[in-house]
Amino acid sequence: MFSFYYTSLLDFDSMMINSINARGTANSTWIILAGLAVLLAGFFVVSLQVGAVAVSVPEVLSIMLHQVGGGADNFTLQQERVLLHIRLPRVVLGMVVGAALGVSGASLQGLFRNPLVEPGLIGVSSGAALFAVVAIVFGTSIQGIWGAAFTSSFFLPVFSFVGGLVATMLTYTLGHRQGKTDITILILGGIAINALAGALVGLVLYFADDAALRSFTFWSMGDLGGASWSRMSIALPMVLLPTLALTLLRDQLNALSLGEAEAYHLGVNVEQVKYLVILLSSMAVGASVSLTGMIGFIGLVVPHILRLAFGPDHHVVLPGAMLTGAIVLLLADLSARTVVIPSELPIGIVTALLGAPFFIWLLLNAKKKRII
């Protein structure tokens, strides 16, 4: 396992250094990002139209104009309500969560200098899942102790978000020694925290009734169907702010790709960058998981798509991961909503079906390089 990890790390280092030395112009970066933005805008419009209730582009425009006092009423009341209160918040949530998962995965892969790293490695997803199942199973008891404030629709998202942060901070504490963060110990600590959280989830589920067990099962498979403007008004800033902050660390991550010693001599505060990447990633992913449940493989697949297409320069990869993550999750959501109309599949199943074959291909490719 460890020889495979270090072989992948060395291959990744070599790829990063060669790419940074051959980095393109700023104009080419903007062209790539503009192209991804146009593609995202196209999928955004398609996502607003497609579903059990069809809404054409003219009808979408009419509904939007009607909200500001203009446009013709060439749409039904059902179409208006579906678009404004169900489909639009769902699509916006999908874009934001996809962007957060994509840029978090890209940042952590750059920090660990390993292409097989994904956000769940630092324990944030398992910690969020543990606190979520506690909230679902013991919510009534918590209500009796603390009052009705914990029965609001914000309870589960906030509680699972706190769980993700707690697990991540435990992992970071395990990897932090004498003022420095040991990446290898951090990874091993994340594996241990994930295993412990998984065991505790199983223990809590042992005491769950059928309704709580069913609720957690659907939550763990991922779903954008619970999107609403009231929930997102508080939760979206918790996702967007760390996501945007991660894109500002592109120069530091490029320097770290050369090695910690080289980055230090280039003036990078290595320990501060490690702390910021881990903290911001845990915040973005924890808030995302709290809103949508477990959605896997976005943080692993999206950075690889970008690196294979454009190289691993973080000036392209980080903002590109935001846009591509949003695109991929919108595509997955479209598939989830249309394959079994009028029902829908949990989006976590769709992303796993798309991401798992890609991950297997990565493993086979790394195995081939190791043999050679």
Protein backbone atom coordinates (compact mmCIF):
# COMPACT_ATOMS: atom_id res chain seq x y z
CA MET A 1 0.00 0.00 0.00
CA PHE A 2 2.71 2.45 1.01
CA SER A 3 4.94 1.65 -1.97
CA PHE A 4 1.96 2.29 -4.24
CA TYR A 5 1.31 5.58 -2.44
CA TYR A 6 4.88 6.79 -2.80
CA THR A 7 5.10 5.66 -6.44
CA SER A 8 1.99 7.68 -7.21
CA LEU A 9 3.40 10.63 -5.26
CA LEU A 10 6.65 10.63 -7.25
CA ASP A 11 4.79 10.37 -10.56
CA PHE A 12 2.57 13.26 -9.49
CA ASP A 13 5.59 15.38 -8.47
CA SER A 14 7.20 14.84 -11.86
CA MET A 15 3.98 15.69 -13.68
CA MET A 16 3.48 18.86 -11.65
CA ILE A 17 7.04 20.13 -12.14
CA ASN A 18 7.01 19.49 -15.88
CA SER A 19 3.65 21.20 -16.26
CA ILE A 20 4.61 24.28 -14.27
CA ASN A 21 7.80 24.66 -16.29
CA ALA A 22 5.74 24.53 -19.47
CA ARG A 23 2.90 26.70 -18.18
CA GLY A 24 0.88 28.50 -20.83
CA THR A 25 0.03 32.16 -21.06
CA ALA A 26 -2.61 33.92 -18.98
CA ASN A 27 -4.73 34.29 -22.10
CA SER A 28 -4.96 30.53 -22.58
CA THR A 29 -6.02 30.15 -18.93
CA TRP A 30 -8.85 32.64 -19.39
CA ILE A 31 -9.95 30.92 -22.61
CA ILE A 32 -10.17 27.57 -20.81
CA LEU A 33 -12.09 29.02 -17.88
CA ALA A 34 -14.41 31.00 -20.17
CA GLY A 35 -15.17 27.85 -22.13
CA LEU A 36 -16.01 25.96 -18.93
CA ALA A 37 -18.22 28.87 -17.79
CA VAL A 38 -20.16 28.82 -21.07
CA LEU A 39 -20.58 25.05 -20.78
CA LEU A 40 -21.84 25.44 -17.21
CA ALA A 41 -24.32 28.11 -18.29
CA GLY A 42 -25.66 25.75 -20.95
CA PHE A 43 -26.17 22.90 -18.48
CA PHE A 44 -27.77 25.35 -16.05
CA VAL A 45 -30.41 26.27 -18.62
CA VAL A 46 -31.00 22.62 -19.59
CA SER A 47 -31.34 21.63 -15.92
CA LEU A 48 -34.07 24.24 -15.42
CA GLN A 49 -36.07 22.78 -18.31
CA VAL A 50 -35.80 19.04 -17.75
CA GLY A 51 -37.89 17.12 -15.24
CA ALA A 52 -41.28 15.59 -14.58
CA VAL A 53 -42.79 19.02 -15.38
CA ALA A 54 -41.29 20.36 -18.62
CA VAL A 55 -40.48 24.09 -18.79
CA SER A 56 -39.22 25.48 -22.10
CA VAL A 57 -36.65 28.27 -22.45
CA PRO A 58 -39.27 30.91 -23.38
CA GLU A 59 -41.33 29.84 -20.38
CA VAL A 60 -38.27 30.05 -18.11
CA LEU A 61 -37.56 33.58 -19.34
CA SER A 62 -41.21 34.58 -18.93
CA ILE A 63 -41.32 33.29 -15.35
CA MET A 64 -38.11 35.14 -14.48
CA LEU A 65 -39.34 38.38 -16.07
CA HIS A 66 -42.70 37.97 -14.34
CA GLN A 67 -40.90 38.07 -10.98
CA VAL A 68 -39.60 41.57 -11.73
CA GLY A 69 -42.90 42.85 -13.11
CA GLY A 70 -42.53 42.17 -16.83
CA GLY A 71 -42.97 39.48 -19.48
CA ALA A 72 -46.02 37.66 -20.81
CA ASP A 73 -47.95 35.11 -18.75
CA ASN A 74 -47.41 32.24 -21.21
CA PHE A 75 -46.84 29.66 -18.45
CA THR A 76 -48.93 27.75 -15.95
CA LEU A 77 -49.00 28.26 -12.20
CA GLN A 78 -47.60 24.74 -11.78
CA GLN A 79 -44.61 25.54 -14.00
CA GLU A 80 -43.92 28.72 -12.04
CA ARG A 81 -43.99 26.99 -8.68
CA VAL A 82 -41.90 24.05 -9.87
CA LEU A 83 -39.27 26.33 -11.38
CA LEU A 84 -38.97 28.88 -8.57
CA HIS A 85 -39.46 26.71 -5.50
CA ILE A 86 -38.19 23.28 -6.52
CA ARG A 87 -36.00 23.25 -9.60
CA LEU A 88 -34.10 26.56 -9.31
CA PRO A 89 -32.93 26.05 -5.70
CA ARG A 90 -32.03 22.47 -6.56
CA VAL A 91 -29.92 23.50 -9.56
CA VAL A 92 -28.22 26.30 -7.61
CA LEU A 93 -27.44 23.90 -4.76
CA GLY A 94 -26.04 21.36 -7.21
CA MET A 95 -23.75 23.95 -8.78
CA VAL A 96 -22.45 25.22 -5.44
CA VAL A 97 -21.91 21.77 -3.93
CA GLY A 98 -20.25 20.47 -7.10
CA ALA A 99 -17.92 23.47 -7.12
CA ALA A 100 -17.05 22.94 -3.44
CA LEU A 101 -16.31 19.23 -3.85
CA GLY A 102 -14.26 19.81 -7.00
CA VAL A 103 -12.02 22.57 -5.67
CA SER A 104 -11.59 20.80 -2.30
CA GLY A 105 -10.39 17.65 -4.04
CA ALA A 106 -8.02 19.61 -6.26
CA SER A 107 -6.59 21.51 -3.29
CA LEU A 108 -6.02 18.40 -1.18
CA GLN A 109 -4.41 16.54 -4.08
CA GLY A 110 -2.07 19.49 -4.56
CA LEU A 111 -1.28 19.64 -0.84
CA PHE A 112 -0.61 15.91 -0.48
CA ARG A 113 1.01 15.73 -3.93
CA ASN A 114 -0.94 12.56 -4.60
CA PRO A 115 -3.51 12.13 -7.40
CA LEU A 116 -5.50 9.53 -5.43
CA VAL A 117 -6.47 11.83 -2.57
CA GLU A 118 -10.10 12.91 -2.16
CA PRO A 119 -11.86 15.04 0.50
CA GLY A 120 -13.16 12.09 2.50
CA LEU A 121 -9.58 11.11 3.36
CA ILE A 122 -9.32 13.73 6.12
CA GLY A 123 -12.45 12.43 7.86
CA VAL A 124 -14.87 15.23 7.07
CA SER A 125 -17.49 13.07 5.33
CA SER A 126 -17.48 10.33 7.96
CA GLY A 127 -17.63 12.89 10.78
CA ALA A 128 -20.60 14.61 9.14
CA ALA A 129 -22.30 11.24 8.68
CA LEU A 130 -21.78 10.34 12.34
CA PHE A 131 -23.31 13.56 13.62
CA ALA A 132 -26.12 13.29 11.07
CA VAL A 133 -27.13 9.82 12.22
CA VAL A 134 -27.02 11.00 15.85
CA ALA A 135 -29.35 13.88 14.94
CA ILE A 136 -31.73 11.56 13.09
CA VAL A 137 -31.84 8.78 15.67
CA PHE A 138 -31.73 10.83 18.88
CA GLY A 139 -33.38 14.03 17.64
CA THR A 140 -36.41 13.59 19.89
CA SER A 141 -34.25 13.18 22.98
CA ILE A 142 -32.19 16.23 22.09
CA GLN A 143 -35.41 18.18 21.67
CA GLY A 144 -36.51 17.20 25.14
CA ILE A 145 -33.22 18.40 26.65
CA TRP A 146 -32.55 21.56 24.67
CA GLY A 147 -35.98 22.66 23.51
CA ALA A 148 -37.72 23.30 20.21
CA ALA A 149 -34.79 25.22 18.70
CA PHE A 150 -33.26 21.89 17.71
CA THR A 151 -36.31 20.74 15.77
CA SER A 152 -35.96 23.33 13.01
CA SER A 153 -34.93 22.46 9.47
CA PHE A 154 -31.45 23.83 10.21
CA PHE A 155 -30.70 21.25 12.90
CA LEU A 156 -29.51 18.38 10.70
CA PRO A 157 -27.36 20.51 8.34
CA VAL A 158 -25.72 22.45 11.16
CA PHE A 159 -25.17 19.35 13.31
CA SER A 160 -23.56 17.37 10.47
CA PHE A 161 -21.43 20.38 9.51
CA VAL A 162 -20.08 20.53 13.06
CA GLY A 163 -19.37 16.79 12.89
CA GLY A 164 -17.29 17.22 9.76
CA LEU A 165 -15.24 19.99 11.37
CA VAL A 166 -14.70 17.99 14.57
CA ALA A 167 -13.47 14.93 12.66
CA THR A 168 -11.16 17.04 10.51
CA MET A 169 -9.66 18.84 13.48
CA LEU A 170 -9.03 15.49 15.20
CA THR A 171 -7.25 14.27 12.08
CA TYR A 172 -5.21 17.46 11.88
CA THR A 173 -4.28 17.18 15.57
CA LEU A 174 -3.05 13.63 15.04
CA GLY A 175 -0.85 14.74 12.14
CA HIS A 176 0.48 17.87 13.87
CA ARG A 177 3.72 17.42 15.80
CA GLN A 178 6.23 19.95 17.13
CA GLY A 179 4.76 22.80 15.13
CA LYS A 180 4.71 20.87 11.84
CA THR A 181 2.17 18.74 10.00
CA ASP A 182 3.38 15.31 8.93
CA ILE A 183 1.44 14.42 5.76
CA THR A 184 1.93 10.66 6.19
CA ILE A 185 0.69 10.72 9.79
CA LEU A 186 -2.18 12.95 8.68
CA ILE A 187 -3.29 10.38 6.10
CA LEU A 188 -3.03 7.53 8.61
CA GLY A 189 -4.94 9.63 11.14
CA GLY A 190 -7.68 10.23 8.56
CA ILE A 191 -7.96 6.48 7.94
CA ALA A 192 -8.27 5.87 11.69
CA ILE A 193 -10.90 8.61 12.16
CA ASN A 194 -12.89 7.28 9.21
CA ALA A 195 -12.83 3.77 10.66
CA LEU A 196 -13.85 4.99 14.11
CA ALA A 197 -16.67 7.15 12.74
CA GLY A 198 -17.92 4.23 10.65
CA ALA A 199 -18.01 1.99 13.71
CA LEU A 200 -19.88 4.62 15.73
CA VAL A 201 -22.39 5.10 12.90
CA GLY A 202 -23.09 1.37 13.01
CA LEU A 203 -23.47 1.51 16.80
CA VAL A 204 -25.96 4.39 16.62
CA LEU A 205 -27.94 2.64 13.88
CA TYR A 206 -28.27 -0.36 16.18
CA PHE A 207 -30.60 1.77 18.33
CA ALA A 208 -32.50 3.28 15.38
CA ASP A 209 -36.12 2.52 14.57
CA ASP A 210 -37.30 1.82 11.04
CA ALA A 211 -38.13 5.45 10.26
CA ALA A 212 -34.75 6.76 11.44
CA LEU A 213 -32.92 3.96 9.63
CA ARG A 214 -34.74 4.79 6.40
CA SER A 215 -34.03 8.52 6.79
CA PHE A 216 -30.32 7.98 7.30
CA THR A 217 -30.13 5.49 4.44
CA PHE A 218 -31.54 8.02 1.98
CA TRP A 219 -29.40 10.83 3.46
CA SER A 220 -26.25 8.72 3.06
CA MET A 221 -26.99 8.11 -0.63
CA GLY A 222 -27.04 11.83 -1.41
CA ASP A 223 -29.95 13.93 -2.58
CA LEU A 224 -30.54 17.44 -3.92
CA GLY A 225 -34.30 17.16 -3.54
CA GLY A 226 -34.33 18.82 -0.13
CA ALA A 227 -33.07 22.14 -1.50
CA SER A 228 -35.02 25.19 -0.39
CA TRP A 229 -34.24 28.89 -0.24
CA SER A 230 -34.71 29.00 3.54
CA ARG A 231 -32.14 26.28 4.22
CA MET A 232 -29.65 27.59 1.70
CA SER A 233 -29.78 31.18 2.93
CA ILE A 234 -27.62 30.18 5.89
CA ALA A 235 -25.81 27.14 4.54
CA LEU A 236 -24.67 28.44 1.13
CA PRO A 237 -22.29 31.07 2.57
CA MET A 238 -20.75 28.25 4.61
CA VAL A 239 -20.01 26.49 1.30
CA LEU A 240 -19.19 29.41 -0.98
CA LEU A 241 -16.78 31.38 1.22
CA PRO A 242 -14.25 28.56 1.83
CA THR A 243 -14.63 27.40 -1.78
CA LEU A 244 -13.68 30.81 -3.15
CA ALA A 245 -10.90 31.18 -0.55
CA LEU A 246 -9.29 27.94 -1.74
CA THR A 247 -8.85 29.33 -5.25
CA LEU A 248 -6.67 32.11 -3.81
CA LEU A 249 -4.04 29.54 -2.75
CA ARG A 250 -3.08 28.57 -6.31
CA ASP A 251 0.41 30.12 -6.19
CA GLN A 252 1.22 28.46 -2.87
CA LEU A 253 0.04 25.06 -4.09
CA ASN A 254 2.11 25.42 -7.25
CA ALA A 255 5.15 26.11 -5.07
CA LEU A 256 4.37 23.14 -2.82
CA SER A 257 4.32 20.88 -5.86
CA LEU A 258 8.09 21.38 -6.02
CA GLY A 259 8.48 20.12 -2.45
CA GLU A 260 8.08 21.63 1.01
CA ALA A 261 11.72 22.74 1.28
CA GLU A 262 11.65 24.44 -2.12
CA ALA A 263 8.33 26.14 -1.30
CA TYR A 264 9.77 27.41 1.99
CA HIS A 265 12.77 28.93 0.20
CA LEU A 266 10.37 30.58 -2.25
CA GLY A 267 8.78 32.41 0.68
CA VAL A 268 5.74 30.19 1.25
CA ASN A 269 4.59 29.65 4.83
CA VAL A 270 4.19 25.90 4.38
CA GLU A 271 2.51 25.12 7.70
CA GLN A 272 0.03 27.95 7.28
CA VAL A 273 -0.89 26.73 3.80
CA LYS A 274 -1.41 23.19 5.10
CA TYR A 275 -3.67 24.44 7.85
CA LEU A 276 -5.68 26.70 5.53
CA VAL A 277 -6.19 24.02 2.86
CA ILE A 278 -7.31 21.44 5.41
CA LEU A 279 -9.57 23.87 7.29
CA LEU A 280 -11.17 25.44 4.21
CA SER A 281 -11.66 22.06 2.53
CA SER A 282 -13.29 20.62 5.64
CA MET A 283 -15.62 23.62 5.87
CA ALA A 284 -16.64 23.44 2.22
CA VAL A 285 -17.11 19.67 2.15
CA GLY A 286 -18.72 19.53 5.60
CA ALA A 287 -21.29 22.17 4.68
CA SER A 288 -21.93 20.42 1.35
CA VAL A 289 -22.44 17.03 2.97
CA SER A 290 -24.73 18.60 5.56
CA LEU A 291 -26.99 19.93 2.79
CA THR A 292 -27.00 17.00 0.37
CA GLY A 293 -25.77 13.90 2.19
CA MET A 294 -22.88 11.79 0.94
CA ILE A 295 -21.88 12.48 -2.67
CA GLY A 296 -18.71 10.65 -3.62
CA PHE A 297 -16.09 10.75 -6.38
CA ILE A 298 -16.61 14.38 -7.45
CA GLY A 299 -13.52 15.50 -5.53
CA LEU A 300 -11.50 12.66 -7.04
CA VAL A 301 -12.69 12.65 -10.65
CA VAL A 302 -12.95 16.38 -11.40
CA PRO A 303 -9.28 17.31 -10.70
CA HIS A 304 -8.17 14.38 -12.85
CA ILE A 305 -10.35 15.46 -15.75
CA LEU A 306 -8.74 18.90 -15.64
CA ARG A 307 -5.18 17.65 -15.21
CA LEU A 308 -5.54 15.20 -18.07
CA ALA A 309 -7.01 17.89 -20.32
CA PHE A 310 -5.04 21.02 -19.37
CA GLY A 311 -2.17 20.03 -17.08
CA PRO A 312 -1.93 20.41 -13.30
CA ASP A 313 -1.17 24.14 -12.99
CA HIS A 314 -3.36 25.29 -10.11
CA HIS A 315 -4.08 28.60 -11.87
CA VAL A 316 -6.24 26.46 -14.16
CA VAL A 317 -7.06 23.52 -11.91
CA LEU A 318 -8.56 25.35 -8.91
CA PRO A 319 -10.99 27.70 -10.69
CA GLY A 320 -11.53 25.03 -13.33
CA ALA A 321 -12.42 22.52 -10.61
CA MET A 322 -15.15 24.86 -9.38
CA LEU A 323 -16.71 25.07 -12.83
CA THR A 324 -16.19 21.42 -13.78
CA GLY A 325 -17.43 20.17 -10.41
CA ALA A 326 -20.63 22.14 -10.92
CA ILE A 327 -20.98 20.75 -14.46
CA VAL A 328 -20.45 17.14 -13.38
CA LEU A 329 -22.93 17.37 -10.52
CA LEU A 330 -25.54 19.00 -12.76
CA LEU A 331 -25.06 16.14 -15.24
CA ALA A 332 -25.44 13.60 -12.45
CA ASP A 333 -28.56 15.37 -11.21
CA LEU A 334 -30.05 15.42 -14.71
CA SER A 335 -29.48 11.68 -14.95
CA ALA A 336 -30.96 11.09 -11.50
CA ARG A 337 -34.10 13.06 -12.39
CA THR A 338 -34.72 11.64 -15.85
CA VAL A 339 -33.78 7.95 -15.79
CA VAL A 340 -36.77 6.83 -13.71
CA ILE A 341 -39.30 9.69 -14.21
CA PRO A 342 -41.51 10.50 -12.32
CA SER A 343 -39.33 9.11 -9.51
CA GLU A 344 -35.64 9.93 -9.15
CA LEU A 345 -32.46 8.14 -8.17
CA PRO A 346 -30.30 9.29 -5.24
CA ILE A 347 -27.58 11.40 -6.77
CA GLY A 348 -24.86 9.67 -4.76
CA ILE A 349 -25.63 6.46 -6.63
CA VAL A 350 -25.24 8.21 -9.97
CA THR A 351 -21.91 9.84 -9.07
CA ALA A 352 -20.63 6.48 -7.76
CA LEU A 353 -21.66 4.73 -10.98
CA LEU A 354 -19.82 7.39 -12.97
CA GLY A 355 -16.82 7.79 -10.68
CA ALA A 356 -16.04 4.21 -9.66
CA PRO A 357 -15.07 3.03 -13.18
CA PHE A 358 -12.85 6.11 -13.52
CA PHE A 359 -11.19 5.34 -10.18
CA ILE A 360 -10.60 1.72 -11.25
CA TRP A 361 -8.98 3.02 -14.43
CA LEU A 362 -6.68 5.20 -12.31
CA LEU A 363 -5.66 2.20 -10.21
CA LEU A 364 -4.97 0.08 -13.29
CA ASN A 365 -2.98 2.89 -14.87
CA ALA A 366 -0.90 3.38 -11.70
CA LYS A 367 -0.36 -0.37 -11.47
CA LYS A 368 0.86 -0.42 -15.08
CA LYS A 369 3.37 2.37 -14.39
CA ARG A 370 4.59 0.57 -11.30
CA ILE A 371 5.21 -2.65 -13.22
CA ILE A 372 7.06 -0.82 -15.97
